[in-house]
Amino acid sequence: MHQLLDLVTPGEVLEEEFMKPLNISQNRLARDIDVPPSRIHAIVHGRRSITADMALRLGKYFQTSAQMWINLQSHYDLEVAERNEWSHIKHRIRTMEVASKAS
């Protein structure tokens, strides 16, 4: 049986790929993008999601697209749902039947 790899949270990407290489502290980032430091802390530690508002702020600050940050969050959320919930609910969901074409 294959082992699932640990998921990387969007907050880990923020910290490891952006903040650490650029030597930006959580407090500095919070101040520079005008949010409470607790919000950055919660994102970095995987306790808070990256919202559209936060994606816009991070995109402007790091000169990336807001869409990149939203995509990171969406991908993470989907993976979590598939790993944790999907196996318990997929058997209860019907597949839509498409009416056959008349000849």
Protein backbone atom coordinates (compact mmCIF):
# COMPACT_ATOMS: atom_id res chain seq x y z
CA MET A 1 0.00 0.00 0.00
CA HIS A 2 1.46 3.35 -0.95
CA GLN A 3 2.00 5.96 1.72
CA LEU A 4 0.47 9.39 1.26
CA LEU A 5 2.91 12.25 1.28
CA ASP A 6 2.40 14.95 3.86
CA LEU A 7 0.51 17.89 2.46
CA VAL A 8 2.28 21.21 2.30
CA THR A 9 0.07 24.00 3.58
CA PRO A 10 -0.10 27.34 1.80
CA GLY A 11 1.36 28.82 4.99
CA GLU A 12 4.42 26.58 4.69
CA VAL A 13 4.90 27.78 1.12
CA LEU A 14 4.58 31.37 2.30
CA GLU A 15 7.17 30.87 5.01
CA GLU A 16 9.65 28.56 3.26
CA GLU A 17 9.54 29.93 -0.28
CA PHE A 18 8.96 33.63 0.37
CA MET A 19 9.54 34.82 3.92
CA LYS A 20 12.67 32.88 4.87
CA PRO A 21 14.60 33.45 1.62
CA LEU A 22 13.79 37.16 1.77
CA ASN A 23 14.45 37.38 5.52
CA ILE A 24 10.96 38.71 6.25
CA SER A 25 9.55 38.15 9.73
CA GLN A 26 5.90 37.49 10.42
CA ASN A 27 5.64 40.86 12.14
CA ARG A 28 7.21 42.70 9.23
CA LEU A 29 4.95 41.00 6.71
CA ALA A 30 1.90 41.76 8.83
CA ARG A 31 2.89 45.41 9.14
CA ASP A 32 3.72 45.76 5.44
CA ILE A 33 0.43 44.28 4.24
CA ASP A 34 -1.66 45.90 6.98
CA VAL A 35 -2.99 42.84 8.82
CA PRO A 36 -2.67 41.71 12.45
CA PRO A 37 0.47 39.64 13.13
CA SER A 38 -1.77 36.90 14.54
CA ARG A 39 -3.25 36.42 11.06
CA ILE A 40 0.16 35.73 9.50
CA HIS A 41 1.07 33.46 12.42
CA ALA A 42 -2.14 31.45 11.96
CA ILE A 43 -1.58 31.09 8.20
CA VAL A 44 2.06 30.05 8.61
CA HIS A 45 1.05 27.41 11.16
CA GLY A 46 -1.81 26.05 9.05
CA ARG A 47 -4.59 27.25 11.33
CA ARG A 48 -6.01 29.81 8.93
CA SER A 49 -6.69 29.73 5.20
CA ILE A 50 -5.54 32.23 2.63
CA THR A 51 -8.65 34.22 1.72
CA ALA A 52 -9.19 36.25 -1.44
CA ASP A 53 -8.33 39.41 0.50
CA MET A 54 -5.11 37.89 1.79
CA ALA A 55 -4.26 36.56 -1.67
CA LEU A 56 -4.55 40.08 -3.08
CA ARG A 57 -2.30 41.45 -0.34
CA LEU A 58 0.31 38.71 -0.73
CA GLY A 59 0.22 38.98 -4.51
CA LYS A 60 0.90 42.70 -4.42
CA TYR A 61 3.57 42.42 -1.74
CA PHE A 62 5.54 39.58 -3.32
CA GLN A 63 4.79 40.68 -6.90
CA THR A 64 3.02 37.43 -7.70
CA SER A 65 -0.55 36.89 -8.78
CA ALA A 66 -3.33 36.69 -6.24
CA GLN A 67 -4.51 33.68 -8.23
CA MET A 68 -1.34 31.78 -7.30
CA TRP A 69 -2.17 32.11 -3.60
CA ILE A 70 -5.82 31.15 -4.14
CA ASN A 71 -4.72 28.14 -6.19
CA LEU A 72 -2.37 27.00 -3.41
CA GLN A 73 -5.22 27.20 -0.91
CA SER A 74 -7.78 25.53 -3.20
CA HIS A 75 -5.41 22.68 -4.03
CA TYR A 76 -4.65 22.14 -0.36
CA ASP A 77 -8.34 22.23 0.64
CA LEU A 78 -9.28 19.73 -2.07
CA GLU A 79 -6.49 17.34 -1.08
CA VAL A 80 -7.52 17.51 2.57
CA ALA A 81 -11.17 16.84 1.69
CA GLU A 82 -10.26 13.90 -0.54
CA ARG A 83 -8.04 12.34 2.11
CA ASN A 84 -10.28 12.93 5.10
CA GLU A 85 -13.88 13.00 3.95
CA TRP A 86 -14.35 11.68 0.44
CA SER A 87 -14.06 7.96 1.20
CA HIS A 88 -16.88 8.32 3.74
CA ILE A 89 -19.32 10.15 1.48
CA LYS A 90 -18.62 9.20 -2.14
CA HIS A 91 -20.73 6.03 -1.97
CA ARG A 92 -23.78 8.15 -1.04
CA ILE A 93 -23.56 10.40 -4.07
CA ARG A 94 -25.42 9.43 -7.21
CA THR A 95 -24.06 10.02 -10.67
CA MET A 96 -26.33 12.07 -12.88
CA GLU A 97 -27.83 10.01 -15.65
CA VAL A 98 -27.89 11.65 -19.04
CA ALA A 99 -30.98 10.93 -21.12
CA SER A 100 -30.14 8.95 -24.23
CA LYS A 101 -30.66 10.63 -27.58
CA ALA A 102 -33.69 9.65 -29.60
CA SER A 103 -32.82 8.18 -32.99
